[in-house]
Structure formats: C-alpha cells, structure tokens
Amino acid sequence: MPAARLTIDPAFTVGAVNRRLFGSFVEHLGRCVYDGIYEPGHPTADAEGFRTDVIALVKELGVATIRYPGGNFVSGFRWEDSVGPREQRPRRLDLAWHSTETNEIGLHEFASWLEKVGSELMLAVNLGTRGTLEALDLLEYSNIASGSAWSDKRIANGRRDAFGIGMWCLGNEMDGPWQLGHRSADDYGKLASQTAKAMRQLDPSVELVVCGSSSAHMPTFGEWERIVLTHAYEDVDYISCHAYYEEKDGDLGSFLASAADMDHFIESVVATADHVKAVNGSDKTINISFDEWNVWYIDRYQNVDRIDGIDNWPVAPRLLEDAYSVADAVVFGNLLISLLRHADRVTSASLAQLVNVIAPIMTEPGGPAWRQTTFFPFALTSRLATGDALEVRLETETYRTTAYGEVGLVDAVATHDAADGSTAVFLVNRSQHEPAEVTIDVRALGGVRVLSAETMSDDDITAKNTLDQPERVGLRPNVSAVASGDQVTVVLPPVSWTALALG
C-alpha cells in the first residue's frame, strides 16, 4: 500500500480562508435560471416563483457569493431590459448561447432570491457590446440611494433601498475570440481602467475584478495579464482566472492531476501581477478572483449540444447538463484543495455554475431536485474550512502523467481555526487501483480526536446521481481514521476525496 506523511502546524499559515472562496455562478444560460432556480408552476414554488427545494439545497451547499448574470451572456446583455414591469420587458436573442432571453428574471428578482439563500451578489457589467456609460448607469441604479434619474427609476420599480452591490466584474473573458466585443489586451486594459476610474468616482467603495485569461492554455496567457494590469493595476482589486477540466482520450491519470495545472495557473498569474506591481513601484497587491472553475465536458457541448440556425432560438434549452461521476467529484474536490492552498491570493472564487448547467444541483421541470456528486465536496469543504489555510508538509509517492509530468499520488491541504481550535484536513488519493495510508503528524495541535471522517469513493468510479437514481453516490464515513498520541492515520481508497474534522 502506498504511504504518505503529512505534517500540520498552525504556526505556519498561508492566509485566512475568505468566505468568498465558496462562491458560485448563475448565468442566463440553459436551464440555470428558468426551470432551475425559477419555475412558477412547480409544486415547491414560493409566491415569487422560486423553487424552495432548490433554495434549501443552495443553503446546504454553503454558497457565500454568486456571480451574475454572466458569463458570455453578459457581453450582449442590456441590463435595462431586466428591470421594470415584467409585461413590458423585451424578449432578446442571446447570441452567446443561441437562445431567447425572456427577461422574466432580472436584477430585482435575483436580488430577492439571494436574500432567500443568504448569498452576496457579485455583478458583471457588459464591456463587450457596451461600455463605461452603461456601467455607470447600472451602478447608479444599484447603489445610489435616491435623488438621481436611475436611482429614482429603481425606486419606481419597487425597490426603495439601494442594492448596495460591493463586487463588480469588468466584463467577461474579453481575451476570448468567441466573446462579443472581443478586444486585444491593450484595448481592453484601457477600457477597463477607464470604466474602473469612472465607477470609483460614483462609488469609491466598489471592489472591481478585471478580466484575466479565460484559460491558462490561451495563446495570449501571461502577456494578457501583464498588459491589462499595466493599464489597470491601480484601478482594480482583483484579476480573474477561469479554468475547466475534463478527462480527455481516456487519460484518467492526467485528469486526476488537474489540480497541478490549477496550481501552476494561479502561481503564474500571481507572478505576473507582482511583476507589474514591482515595475509600477506600487504598494498595492492584486488578488485573484477565480470566478469560473469546474469540471466541464466542453468537447461534448462543442460537438453535440451546440444550437444553431437563424430561426432556432429556444427558451431555456437543455445545455451543458453534465452528469458528474465519482471520478469527477474527486478531481473537483482536489481543485478546492488547490484554491485553499493559495488562500493568501485567491480570496474569491465562483464555481461555475450552480443549477442544471455544469452544476452541483440538478432539477427536473415539475419534478425533483437532487445533488450531483460534486455537491458533496463543495458543501463539506465550505462547512469545515474556516480560519486559516495552513502551509503543510506532504511526503508522498509520485506517478507520471502525460499532461503534467510527475505529480504526487496523494494531495492534501489543511485549515485551522484558532477561535474554536478546530482543524480540517482535505485529502485526495489519485491512485487508480491502490488505497493509500496517510499518517498525519498533529503534535503541534496538541491532543486531537477525529470528530468526523467522510470519503467520496466508489467501486465504480463512473457512478453518478441521476433523475432515476438521485442518491446513488454520496459521502461515506471513513472508519479507518484514528487518532493516537501525536498522529492521525487514515486509509484513502483508490480515486477518492476525504475530509477530516479534528478537534
């Protein structure tokens, strides 16, 4: 049996775990909004048409922030369409996903839903087909109390109090040729800087996210960040990262090591941002908003699910409804480990997306809602990872991957909350066939006991939760976890993710 050794010391911290790390993403795409969070005719729908079974699952998931309304959708979005009397809102063609947007759900309705689930709004502005003026109009509508044209319009539309939105995204994936209004790094950097300066003149308290690369594998990666930040460094607070992973060509070994790629992505962006900081002689540090991340079988969308045709613009079509396996959930949990490992610089993140569209929560119109396999690592990590992320020492055997070279067989991170003395350890075994025994040195924590140990694994790593079998996969108690003296030992099944709560 492969063996690994992990040393935990609360004196060695990476950084505080920001609750915004456990954010998600709702885009007007597919059935995320319509038939997802909103279905007026559903048996569980409340007075506003929101599915209360979905609300309960979102609360259980522990989502702190939600990015909205896109995504690629935002680059063609006219925000004014989504406010005011519903019967007067226009239907628009969404070019990003070749669909019809009814605008039945807009800023007011979504803000009401957020109050029900207890999450913070992270709002994106359109810098694809629109610009600085429209961003200012939306900010005035949202954050100014009263006494101006747009704030009074909000009041007339039924919202007396300002929305008070704190975090704003300056467009979406502007490096991507698929994006409406795609620009060069130089052109986008100038526009982002101009828009950021203007928004701060209106509301100095806003936190602003500038677009980084939509993938670490974009041909412009690195240079894009450098050029954009050269223009906008002093005007923004965050630069975004986006990354999606999928198993390709049956290469499970590389897929299981996807977090190694995320680590490199984060560290490269940090290095670039800090280079611009040094060149500028700035005393300000730019952090990362990893505001799109997930497992996504994008090849299937591109080859099978894509909608086209000049007269084919469906409302809320079934798009990107990936069903996630145990192996997907293990990789997903490992991506969370990567985010925690960089908690000093990744202080905001958004799982893309929340309901139906590459999502941890699935729904059937008129029917049930259920948890995908990826639901469980997110919900448990969100609950247990508090206090500070720790700089752990991990000794493990390695294996060679086609995509990422030599990687650890076991991966791990830990958090410690000095306020209540709790410690959480998150572990992955990437071995496809053998369990791994991990010995954790906890002497620096004093005496500890195992409060809980739960593992995501299955003899069939392709097993999924579906409409027909909504509870096929879930977390299982890991009875091998034992505390003895200065050590905790645990056996990790092959292809597994495990969370330990120590106290």
Protein backbone atom coordinates (compact mmCIF):
# COMPACT_ATOMS: atom_id res chain seq x y z
CA MET A 1 0.00 0.00 0.00
CA PRO A 2 1.44 3.42 -0.93
CA ALA A 3 2.15 5.56 2.14
CA ALA A 4 2.20 9.31 2.65
CA ARG A 5 3.10 11.53 5.59
CA LEU A 6 1.55 14.91 6.33
CA THR A 7 2.73 17.41 8.95
CA ILE A 8 0.37 20.09 10.26
CA ASP A 9 1.45 23.09 12.33
CA PRO A 10 -0.94 26.01 12.96
CA ALA A 11 2.06 28.33 13.27
CA PHE A 12 2.64 28.08 9.51
CA THR A 13 -0.25 29.80 7.75
CA VAL A 14 -0.84 30.57 4.09
CA GLY A 15 -3.63 33.05 4.69
CA ALA A 16 -7.13 33.48 6.02
CA VAL A 17 -9.85 31.50 4.29
CA ASN A 18 -12.13 34.15 2.80
CA ARG A 19 -15.79 33.06 2.72
CA ARG A 20 -15.95 34.40 -0.85
CA LEU A 21 -13.81 31.41 -1.81
CA PHE A 22 -17.04 29.40 -1.67
CA GLY A 23 -18.89 31.38 -4.29
CA SER A 24 -20.85 30.19 -7.29
CA PHE A 25 -22.16 31.48 -10.59
CA VAL A 26 -25.64 31.90 -12.08
CA GLU A 27 -25.72 32.78 -15.78
CA HIS A 28 -28.72 33.22 -18.03
CA LEU A 29 -27.76 30.03 -19.85
CA GLY A 30 -29.72 26.87 -20.49
CA ARG A 31 -31.92 25.90 -17.54
CA CYS A 32 -29.86 27.56 -14.83
CA VAL A 33 -32.39 30.35 -14.18
CA TYR A 34 -35.59 29.18 -15.90
CA ASP A 35 -36.60 25.67 -14.74
CA GLY A 36 -33.64 25.87 -12.35
CA ILE A 37 -33.96 28.43 -9.60
CA TYR A 38 -37.25 29.75 -11.05
CA GLU A 39 -40.27 27.63 -12.01
CA PRO A 40 -43.59 29.27 -11.06
CA GLY A 41 -45.70 26.17 -11.73
CA HIS A 42 -43.59 23.84 -9.61
CA PRO A 43 -45.20 22.28 -6.50
CA THR A 44 -42.49 23.80 -4.29
CA ALA A 45 -42.57 27.29 -5.87
CA ASP A 46 -42.97 30.20 -3.49
CA ALA A 47 -45.05 33.33 -4.14
CA GLU A 48 -42.31 34.72 -6.42
CA GLY A 49 -41.99 31.52 -8.43
CA PHE A 50 -38.71 30.35 -6.93
CA ARG A 51 -38.28 26.64 -6.22
CA THR A 52 -37.94 26.24 -2.46
CA ASP A 53 -36.39 22.78 -2.87
CA VAL A 54 -33.54 24.45 -4.79
CA ILE A 55 -33.26 27.20 -2.20
CA ALA A 56 -32.81 24.55 0.52
CA LEU A 57 -30.06 22.82 -1.48
CA VAL A 58 -28.24 26.12 -2.16
CA LYS A 59 -28.27 26.83 1.57
CA GLU A 60 -26.95 23.34 2.28
CA LEU A 61 -24.20 23.86 -0.31
CA GLY A 62 -22.95 26.87 1.67
CA VAL A 63 -22.56 29.36 -1.17
CA ALA A 64 -21.25 32.74 0.01
CA THR A 65 -21.31 34.82 -3.18
CA ILE A 66 -22.96 34.39 -6.58
CA ARG A 67 -21.63 35.92 -9.79
CA TYR A 68 -24.41 37.11 -12.14
CA PRO A 69 -25.69 37.36 -14.94
CA GLY A 70 -22.75 36.02 -16.95
CA GLY A 71 -20.52 34.72 -18.36
CA ASN A 72 -20.63 35.03 -22.11
CA PHE A 73 -24.26 36.12 -21.78
CA VAL A 74 -23.28 39.45 -20.22
CA SER A 75 -21.40 40.66 -23.31
CA GLY A 76 -24.66 41.08 -25.20
CA PHE A 77 -26.86 41.97 -22.21
CA ARG A 78 -28.81 45.24 -21.96
CA TRP A 79 -29.40 45.47 -18.23
CA GLU A 80 -32.32 47.90 -18.64
CA ASP A 81 -34.31 45.05 -20.26
CA SER A 82 -34.35 43.17 -16.95
CA VAL A 83 -35.97 45.83 -14.74
CA GLY A 84 -39.40 47.43 -14.62
CA PRO A 85 -42.80 45.82 -15.18
CA ARG A 86 -42.38 42.26 -16.45
CA GLU A 87 -45.05 42.62 -19.10
CA GLN A 88 -43.05 45.45 -20.65
CA ARG A 89 -39.68 43.69 -20.72
CA PRO A 90 -38.49 42.82 -24.23
CA ARG A 91 -37.55 39.35 -25.41
CA ARG A 92 -34.00 39.40 -26.76
CA LEU A 93 -31.87 36.98 -28.76
CA ASP A 94 -28.86 35.82 -26.75
CA LEU A 95 -26.03 35.37 -29.25
CA ALA A 96 -23.69 33.73 -26.75
CA TRP A 97 -25.83 30.59 -26.32
CA HIS A 98 -28.14 30.98 -29.35
CA SER A 99 -31.24 31.22 -27.17
CA THR A 100 -34.11 33.59 -26.41
CA GLU A 101 -33.93 35.59 -23.17
CA THR A 102 -37.38 36.50 -21.84
CA ASN A 103 -36.02 38.84 -19.12
CA GLU A 104 -38.66 37.47 -16.76
CA ILE A 105 -35.92 37.27 -14.11
CA GLY A 106 -33.79 40.37 -13.71
CA LEU A 107 -31.85 42.31 -11.11
CA HIS A 108 -34.76 42.86 -8.69
CA GLU A 109 -35.94 39.26 -8.77
CA PHE A 110 -32.45 37.83 -8.49
CA ALA A 111 -31.62 40.09 -5.55
CA SER A 112 -34.79 38.84 -3.83
CA TRP A 113 -33.71 35.24 -4.44
CA LEU A 114 -30.26 35.99 -3.00
CA GLU A 115 -31.89 37.20 0.20
CA LYS A 116 -33.69 33.86 0.45
CA VAL A 117 -30.48 31.82 0.07
CA GLY A 118 -28.30 34.21 2.10
CA SER A 119 -25.66 34.91 -0.57
CA GLU A 120 -23.88 38.09 -1.69
CA LEU A 121 -24.32 39.42 -5.24
CA MET A 122 -21.26 39.77 -7.50
CA LEU A 123 -22.48 41.68 -10.55
CA ALA A 124 -20.91 41.69 -14.01
CA VAL A 125 -21.14 44.65 -16.39
CA ASN A 126 -21.18 44.44 -20.17
CA LEU A 127 -17.88 45.65 -21.62
CA GLY A 128 -18.35 43.62 -24.80
CA THR A 129 -21.05 45.45 -26.75
CA ARG A 130 -21.38 48.33 -24.26
CA GLY A 131 -19.02 50.47 -22.22
CA THR A 132 -18.30 52.92 -19.42
CA LEU A 133 -21.55 54.89 -19.59
CA GLU A 134 -23.78 51.83 -19.31
CA ALA A 135 -21.70 50.52 -16.41
CA LEU A 136 -22.14 53.85 -14.63
CA ASP A 137 -25.90 53.77 -15.24
CA LEU A 138 -26.17 50.30 -13.72
CA LEU A 139 -24.03 51.29 -10.73
CA GLU A 140 -26.17 54.39 -10.15
CA TYR A 141 -29.35 52.30 -10.39
CA SER A 142 -27.96 49.75 -7.95
CA ASN A 143 -26.03 51.69 -5.32
CA ILE A 144 -27.25 55.30 -5.13
CA ALA A 145 -29.98 55.75 -2.52
CA SER A 146 -32.15 58.30 -4.32
CA GLY A 147 -32.24 61.70 -5.97
CA SER A 148 -30.90 60.80 -9.41
CA ALA A 149 -32.56 59.61 -12.60
CA TRP A 150 -31.50 55.97 -12.31
CA SER A 151 -31.85 55.65 -8.54
CA ASP A 152 -35.34 57.12 -8.71
CA LYS A 153 -36.12 54.68 -11.52
CA ARG A 154 -35.16 51.82 -9.19
CA ILE A 155 -37.48 53.20 -6.53
CA ALA A 156 -40.28 53.50 -9.08
CA ASN A 157 -39.64 49.87 -9.98
CA GLY A 158 -40.39 48.84 -6.40
CA ARG A 159 -37.04 48.87 -4.61
CA ARG A 160 -36.77 51.69 -2.06
CA ASP A 161 -33.36 50.69 -0.66
CA ALA A 162 -30.25 50.56 -2.82
CA PHE A 163 -28.94 47.09 -3.62
CA GLY A 164 -25.54 48.04 -2.22
CA ILE A 165 -23.57 45.74 -4.52
CA GLY A 166 -19.94 45.59 -3.45
CA MET A 167 -18.16 43.41 -6.02
CA TRP A 168 -18.26 44.07 -9.77
CA CYS A 169 -16.75 42.23 -12.76
CA LEU A 170 -15.50 44.42 -15.61
CA GLY A 171 -16.79 42.25 -18.45
CA ASN A 172 -16.17 38.58 -19.08
CA GLU A 173 -13.43 36.62 -20.89
CA MET A 174 -12.50 39.54 -23.10
CA ASP A 175 -9.42 37.61 -24.26
CA GLY A 176 -11.63 35.02 -26.00
CA PRO A 177 -12.34 35.29 -29.75
CA TRP A 178 -15.79 33.77 -29.02
CA GLN A 179 -16.72 36.77 -26.88
CA LEU A 180 -18.97 39.50 -28.27
CA GLY A 181 -16.80 42.60 -28.29
CA HIS A 182 -13.54 40.63 -28.00
CA ARG A 183 -10.61 43.03 -27.75
CA SER A 184 -6.84 42.96 -27.60
CA ALA A 185 -5.26 43.16 -24.16
CA ASP A 186 -4.22 46.74 -24.88
CA ASP A 187 -7.70 47.86 -25.91
CA TYR A 188 -9.44 46.00 -23.09
CA GLY A 189 -6.94 47.22 -20.49
CA LYS A 190 -7.62 50.84 -21.48
CA LEU A 191 -11.40 50.33 -21.37
CA ALA A 192 -11.27 48.51 -18.03
CA SER A 193 -9.11 51.25 -16.50
CA GLN A 194 -11.40 53.98 -17.80
CA THR A 195 -14.53 52.18 -16.54
CA ALA A 196 -13.00 51.41 -13.16
CA LYS A 197 -11.96 55.02 -12.60
CA ALA A 198 -15.44 56.23 -13.52
CA MET A 199 -17.17 53.69 -11.27
CA ARG A 200 -15.00 54.71 -8.33
CA GLN A 201 -15.91 58.35 -8.89
CA LEU A 202 -19.53 57.33 -8.38
CA ASP A 203 -18.99 54.79 -5.58
CA PRO A 204 -15.45 54.64 -4.13
CA SER A 205 -16.32 51.55 -2.08
CA VAL A 206 -16.75 49.13 -5.00
CA GLU A 207 -14.39 46.16 -5.43
CA LEU A 208 -13.52 45.59 -9.06
CA VAL A 209 -12.44 42.46 -10.96
CA VAL A 210 -10.58 42.88 -14.23
CA CYS A 211 -10.66 40.07 -16.81
CA GLY A 212 -7.66 37.78 -16.81
CA SER A 213 -7.24 34.87 -19.18
CA SER A 214 -10.15 32.51 -19.80
CA SER A 215 -7.67 29.62 -19.66
CA ALA A 216 -4.01 29.10 -18.86
CA HIS A 217 -3.76 27.49 -22.30
CA MET A 218 -4.82 30.57 -24.26
CA PRO A 219 -2.06 31.70 -26.65
CA THR A 220 -2.13 35.15 -25.06
CA PHE A 221 -1.86 33.88 -21.45
CA GLY A 222 0.68 35.77 -19.36
CA GLU A 223 1.05 38.64 -21.80
CA TRP A 224 -2.67 39.32 -21.47
CA GLU A 225 -2.36 39.70 -17.70
CA ARG A 226 0.76 41.84 -17.96
CA ILE A 227 -0.69 44.26 -20.49
CA VAL A 228 -4.14 44.55 -18.88
CA LEU A 229 -2.64 45.15 -15.44
CA THR A 230 -0.14 47.65 -16.83
CA HIS A 231 -3.18 49.77 -17.71
CA ALA A 232 -5.49 48.96 -14.79
CA TYR A 233 -3.33 47.91 -11.82
CA GLU A 234 -4.11 50.89 -9.62
CA ASP A 235 -7.80 50.91 -10.59
CA VAL A 236 -8.86 47.35 -9.70
CA ASP A 237 -8.70 44.92 -6.79
CA TYR A 238 -8.76 41.52 -8.49
CA ILE A 239 -7.79 39.82 -11.71
CA SER A 240 -9.89 36.84 -12.76
CA CYS A 241 -8.89 33.28 -13.62
CA HIS A 242 -11.10 30.76 -15.43
CA ALA A 243 -10.35 27.03 -15.74
CA TYR A 244 -12.32 23.93 -16.70
CA TYR A 245 -11.10 20.36 -16.68
CA GLU A 246 -12.28 17.14 -18.31
CA GLU A 247 -10.98 13.65 -18.89
CA LYS A 248 -9.64 13.50 -22.43
CA ASP A 249 -8.87 10.45 -24.56
CA GLY A 250 -9.29 8.11 -21.59
CA ASP A 251 -6.30 9.66 -19.79
CA LEU A 252 -7.62 9.28 -16.24
CA GLY A 253 -4.18 9.73 -14.68
CA SER A 254 -3.78 13.25 -16.08
CA PHE A 255 -7.39 14.13 -15.28
CA LEU A 256 -6.91 13.14 -11.64
CA ALA A 257 -3.93 15.52 -11.51
CA SER A 258 -5.87 18.54 -12.83
CA ALA A 259 -5.18 20.47 -9.62
CA ALA A 260 -1.50 20.55 -10.55
CA ASP A 261 -2.47 22.63 -13.57
CA MET A 262 -4.64 24.92 -11.41
CA ASP A 263 -1.69 25.40 -9.02
CA HIS A 264 0.55 26.44 -11.89
CA PHE A 265 -2.11 28.75 -13.31
CA ILE A 266 -2.57 30.57 -10.01
CA GLU A 267 1.14 30.87 -9.34
CA SER A 268 1.81 32.21 -12.85
CA VAL A 269 -0.87 34.90 -12.52
CA VAL A 270 0.44 35.88 -9.08
CA ALA A 271 3.96 36.18 -10.51
CA THR A 272 2.74 38.36 -13.37
CA ALA A 273 0.67 40.60 -11.10
CA ASP A 274 3.60 41.03 -8.73
CA HIS A 275 5.88 41.83 -11.68
CA VAL A 276 3.57 44.71 -12.67
CA LYS A 277 3.45 45.79 -9.03
CA ALA A 278 7.26 45.98 -8.96
CA VAL A 279 7.50 47.80 -12.28
CA ASN A 280 4.89 50.32 -11.11
CA GLY A 281 6.54 50.75 -7.73
CA SER A 282 3.14 50.13 -6.22
CA ASP A 283 2.39 49.30 -2.59
CA LYS A 284 -0.90 47.63 -3.59
CA THR A 285 -1.35 43.88 -4.07
CA ILE A 286 -3.75 42.46 -6.66
CA ASN A 287 -5.54 39.27 -5.61
CA ILE A 288 -7.22 36.62 -7.74
CA SER A 289 -10.91 36.08 -8.27
CA PHE A 290 -11.08 32.54 -9.65
CA ASP A 291 -14.60 33.26 -10.78
CA GLU A 292 -15.12 30.32 -13.12
CA TRP A 293 -13.90 26.83 -12.28
CA ASN A 294 -15.28 23.33 -12.59
CA VAL A 295 -15.17 20.01 -14.37
CA TRP A 296 -16.82 20.60 -17.74
CA TYR A 297 -17.01 18.23 -20.70
CA ILE A 298 -16.77 21.11 -23.13
CA ASP A 299 -15.96 18.86 -26.09
CA ARG A 300 -19.45 17.38 -25.82
CA TYR A 301 -21.03 20.83 -25.97
CA GLN A 302 -18.97 21.84 -28.97
CA ASN A 303 -19.66 18.62 -30.87
CA VAL A 304 -23.19 17.63 -29.79
CA ASP A 305 -25.21 20.21 -27.87
CA ARG A 306 -24.46 23.43 -29.74
CA ILE A 307 -27.57 25.22 -31.05
CA ASP A 308 -27.59 26.94 -34.44
CA GLY A 309 -29.99 28.06 -37.17
CA ILE A 310 -31.30 31.54 -37.99
CA ASP A 311 -34.84 30.64 -36.88
CA ASN A 312 -33.90 28.44 -33.92
CA TRP A 313 -33.76 30.48 -30.70
CA PRO A 314 -35.23 28.29 -27.92
CA VAL A 315 -36.09 29.48 -24.41
CA ALA A 316 -34.14 27.76 -21.64
CA PRO A 317 -32.88 24.80 -23.70
CA ARG A 318 -31.10 21.88 -22.05
CA LEU A 319 -27.48 22.95 -22.38
CA LEU A 320 -24.30 21.85 -20.60
CA GLU A 321 -26.18 19.43 -18.33
CA ASP A 322 -23.18 17.28 -17.49
CA ALA A 323 -23.84 14.36 -15.15
CA TYR A 324 -20.85 14.03 -12.82
CA SER A 325 -19.17 10.79 -11.82
CA VAL A 326 -17.28 9.83 -8.68
CA ALA A 327 -14.00 10.50 -10.54
CA ASP A 328 -15.27 13.95 -11.50
CA ALA A 329 -16.10 14.68 -7.84
CA VAL A 330 -12.62 13.59 -6.73
CA VAL A 331 -11.00 15.97 -9.23
CA PHE A 332 -13.46 18.66 -8.18
CA GLY A 333 -12.52 18.19 -4.52
CA ASN A 334 -8.86 18.41 -5.48
CA LEU A 335 -9.49 21.74 -7.23
CA LEU A 336 -10.92 23.01 -3.94
CA ILE A 337 -7.68 21.88 -2.29
CA SER A 338 -5.74 23.98 -4.82
CA LEU A 339 -7.86 27.06 -4.11
CA LEU A 340 -7.35 26.67 -0.34
CA ARG A 341 -3.63 26.12 -0.85
CA HIS A 342 -3.47 29.62 -2.37
CA ALA A 343 -5.82 31.32 0.09
CA ASP A 344 -3.39 34.21 0.54
CA ARG A 345 -4.01 35.36 -3.04
CA VAL A 346 -7.17 33.60 -4.16
CA THR A 347 -9.66 35.44 -2.00
CA SER A 348 -12.72 34.99 -4.19
CA ALA A 349 -13.88 32.09 -6.37
CA SER A 350 -17.05 31.11 -8.20
CA LEU A 351 -17.99 27.54 -9.01
CA ALA A 352 -19.48 27.62 -12.49
CA GLN A 353 -22.36 27.06 -12.33
CA LEU A 354 -25.00 26.47 -9.63
CA VAL A 355 -28.11 24.76 -11.04
CA ASN A 356 -28.52 22.43 -14.07
CA VAL A 357 -25.68 23.95 -16.12
CA ILE A 358 -22.44 22.08 -15.25
CA ALA A 359 -23.84 22.25 -11.75
CA PRO A 360 -23.84 20.55 -8.34
CA ILE A 361 -27.65 20.83 -8.24
CA MET A 362 -29.97 19.37 -10.88
CA THR A 363 -33.70 19.79 -11.34
CA GLU A 364 -36.46 18.27 -13.43
CA PRO A 365 -39.36 20.52 -14.52
CA GLY A 366 -42.30 19.70 -12.28
CA GLY A 367 -40.16 17.09 -10.57
CA PRO A 368 -37.38 16.69 -8.03
CA ALA A 369 -34.10 18.45 -7.37
CA TRP A 370 -31.05 16.38 -6.49
CA ARG A 371 -27.38 16.61 -5.54
CA GLN A 372 -24.71 15.72 -8.08
CA THR A 373 -21.52 14.03 -6.88
CA THR A 374 -19.70 17.38 -6.91
CA PHE A 375 -22.21 18.79 -4.42
CA PHE A 376 -20.68 16.84 -1.54
CA PRO A 377 -17.02 18.03 -1.62
CA PHE A 378 -18.15 21.65 -2.01
CA ALA A 379 -20.71 21.54 0.82
CA LEU A 380 -18.36 19.81 3.24
CA THR A 381 -15.35 22.00 2.42
CA SER A 382 -17.47 25.14 2.74
CA ARG A 383 -18.59 23.99 6.20
CA LEU A 384 -15.25 22.75 7.55
CA ALA A 385 -12.65 25.11 6.00
CA THR A 386 -12.58 28.03 8.43
CA GLY A 387 -9.84 30.15 9.98
CA ASP A 388 -6.51 29.95 8.14
CA ALA A 389 -5.24 27.71 5.38
CA LEU A 390 -2.03 26.07 6.56
CA GLU A 391 1.27 25.51 4.82
CA VAL A 392 1.52 21.74 5.22
CA ARG A 393 4.44 19.42 4.56
CA LEU A 394 3.47 16.41 2.47
CA GLU A 395 5.71 13.46 1.66
CA THR A 396 4.16 11.16 -0.92
CA GLU A 397 5.00 8.80 -3.72
CA THR A 398 4.57 10.17 -7.21
CA TYR A 399 3.40 8.99 -10.60
CA ARG A 400 3.97 10.26 -14.13
CA THR A 401 1.19 11.87 -16.15
CA THR A 402 1.07 12.62 -19.84
CA ALA A 403 -0.19 16.16 -19.35
CA TYR A 404 1.53 17.39 -16.17
CA GLY A 405 4.63 15.26 -15.67
CA GLU A 406 5.42 13.88 -12.22
CA VAL A 407 2.72 14.55 -9.60
CA GLY A 408 2.01 13.40 -6.08
CA LEU A 409 -0.08 10.28 -5.59
CA VAL A 410 -1.64 11.94 -2.55
CA ASP A 411 -2.55 15.62 -2.35
CA ALA A 412 -3.65 17.49 0.78
CA VAL A 413 -4.35 20.80 2.47
CA ALA A 414 -5.41 21.74 5.99
CA THR A 415 -7.16 24.63 7.71
CA HIS A 416 -7.09 25.67 11.36
CA ASP A 417 -9.46 27.96 13.21
CA ALA A 418 -7.75 29.46 16.26
CA ALA A 419 -11.07 30.79 17.55
CA ASP A 420 -12.51 27.35 18.29
CA GLY A 421 -9.43 25.15 17.93
CA SER A 422 -10.88 23.15 15.05
CA THR A 423 -8.75 21.72 12.25
CA ALA A 424 -9.86 20.31 8.91
CA VAL A 425 -7.78 18.15 6.59
CA PHE A 426 -8.69 17.52 2.95
CA LEU A 427 -7.01 14.67 1.09
CA VAL A 428 -7.07 13.05 -2.34
CA ASN A 429 -5.73 9.68 -3.43
CA ARG A 430 -5.03 9.77 -7.16
CA SER A 431 -4.06 6.11 -7.39
CA GLN A 432 -6.42 4.29 -9.71
CA HIS A 433 -6.00 0.88 -8.10
CA GLU A 434 -4.44 1.03 -4.63
CA PRO A 435 -5.50 2.55 -1.33
CA ALA A 436 -3.01 4.90 0.33
CA GLU A 437 -2.28 5.13 4.04
CA VAL A 438 -1.65 8.65 5.29
CA THR A 439 -0.01 9.40 8.63
CA ILE A 440 -0.67 12.92 9.88
CA ASP A 441 1.72 14.46 12.40
CA VAL A 442 -0.50 16.56 14.68
CA ARG A 443 1.82 17.11 17.64
CA ALA A 444 1.76 20.90 17.06
CA LEU A 445 -2.02 20.84 17.56
CA GLY A 446 -1.80 19.24 20.99
CA GLY A 447 -4.16 16.39 21.73
CA VAL A 448 -6.75 15.89 18.99
CA ARG A 449 -9.52 13.49 18.22
CA VAL A 450 -11.26 12.64 14.97
CA LEU A 451 -14.66 14.32 15.06
CA SER A 452 -15.65 13.11 11.60
CA ALA A 453 -14.09 11.44 8.56
CA GLU A 454 -16.01 11.29 5.30
CA THR A 455 -14.90 9.98 1.93
CA MET A 456 -16.13 10.25 -1.64
CA SER A 457 -15.29 6.98 -3.40
CA ASP A 458 -16.99 4.03 -5.05
CA ASP A 459 -16.08 0.67 -6.54
CA ASP A 460 -17.48 2.12 -9.77
CA ILE A 461 -15.77 5.48 -10.28
CA THR A 462 -18.13 6.21 -13.19
CA ALA A 463 -21.19 6.07 -10.89
CA LYS A 464 -23.41 9.18 -10.98
CA ASN A 465 -26.52 10.60 -9.36
CA THR A 466 -29.34 10.88 -11.90
CA LEU A 467 -33.07 11.53 -12.07
CA ASP A 468 -33.65 7.78 -11.82
CA GLN A 469 -31.02 7.25 -9.10
CA PRO A 470 -30.65 10.59 -7.30
CA GLU A 471 -28.90 9.10 -4.25
CA ARG A 472 -26.65 6.53 -5.93
CA VAL A 473 -23.48 8.33 -4.76
CA GLY A 474 -22.72 10.23 -1.57
CA LEU A 475 -20.20 10.65 1.21
CA ARG A 476 -19.44 7.65 3.39
CA PRO A 477 -17.91 7.54 6.87
CA ASN A 478 -14.24 6.57 6.73
CA VAL A 479 -13.86 4.29 9.75
CA SER A 480 -10.11 3.90 9.17
CA ALA A 481 -9.41 7.39 10.58
CA VAL A 482 -7.88 7.02 14.05
CA ALA A 483 -6.13 9.47 16.39
CA SER A 484 -3.40 8.03 18.58
CA GLY A 485 -0.93 10.19 20.50
CA ASP A 486 0.66 12.69 18.14
CA GLN A 487 -0.64 11.03 14.99
CA VAL A 488 -3.80 10.57 12.99
CA THR A 489 -3.84 7.77 10.44
CA VAL A 490 -6.34 7.29 7.65
CA VAL A 491 -6.59 4.96 4.65
CA LEU A 492 -7.73 6.61 1.42
CA PRO A 493 -9.46 4.34 -1.11
CA PRO A 494 -8.32 4.50 -4.75
CA VAL A 495 -9.64 7.55 -6.62
CA SER A 496 -11.05 9.21 -3.53
CA TRP A 497 -11.54 12.54 -1.76
CA THR A 498 -11.64 12.67 2.04
CA ALA A 499 -12.35 15.36 4.63
CA LEU A 500 -11.32 15.02 8.29
CA ALA A 501 -12.60 17.22 11.10
CA LEU A 502 -10.22 17.24 14.09
CA GLY A 503 -10.83 18.81 17.45
